[in-house]
């Protein structure tokens, strides 16, 4: 029903407007007693074969929702009812920011893709925490970043602020240094600044009664030498893993007329590139750290391909928009049959 009725209707309108419309609709429907329970009954699958114990967290299944969809932790409970094993909120910055000017989100329908140049639009740490305090059972990843006005040489202060304040309310952290939509942010992926940033967070982490897993989210456009640097950085800083990958600035093979829009590309065209990054990191590191695979997962086969390449968990974003909520259940069913 989604692909043949709801999606064609939604795709008639601006994608950012539709995003907020769908959020409000899901929220309103869940005020009706029993809707959340029925949704969970329809979409959730529980099976021992799906369970994963990764960086000290027990996931009911390996399929998560990627950061960017529920930036402000407004809908994590309702979204978890669609069968996700975990929800990653954010990217969250210390202070609220509007992000880049609109229009900033584009569908590339012929390519099953999106281009976004959102620019870390979010409500800021304080408001996000207020919502996370209501969480009772959903595994939450906190994707954190720096404010646009913060210079790179002061970036550690923003990431540290997010870490300290969100520590009690998320299960793991993802350090986002790879979005192409915040000026100069990707410069923080270089070995020296990234090592310094992660070491600073680890100092804070070690002071806590129980340390929280810290991962870095990298972009798929890194070359092999840069990926080798990432492996070294993980070893040097002793962080817990890598999210591979963020959106791409590449445009190879696209056919949609609006492919020239600036921003980060996500969706089906990213599938091969992100899988290659996962495979490279896994093989070259001798699978010494967990990897969350993201990018171009539009089918169970796409998810399985990433898991076989070396990912321990996977996340959806654009595939969830194009394929609908049923994709989560299909992936989990396929994993049960395959294992």
Foldseek 3Di string as FASTA:
>chain_A
DCQPPVLVVLVVDQVVVSLVVVLVVLVVQVVPPPPLVVLLVVAADADPLQWDQAPNDIFRHQEEADEPSAAQLPCQSSLVSLHHRAYEYHQAWAAADQFDDPPAKDDLPVQLKIFGLRGRHYHHQPNSVVNLVPDDDHAYEHEYFYHLPDDLVCGLVGVLSNCVSCVVRHQAYEYEQAWPNRPPSVVCLDLVNVLVSLLSNVVVQVVDPHGHAYEYAHALPDDLVSLVSVLVSCVSSVGAYYEQHDFDQDQPPRDGPPSPDGGGMAAQVFLVSSLVSQLSNCVVNVLPHAYEGEGHPQALVSQVSSVVSRHPHYYYDSSCSNNHSNRSSRNVVVSVVVD
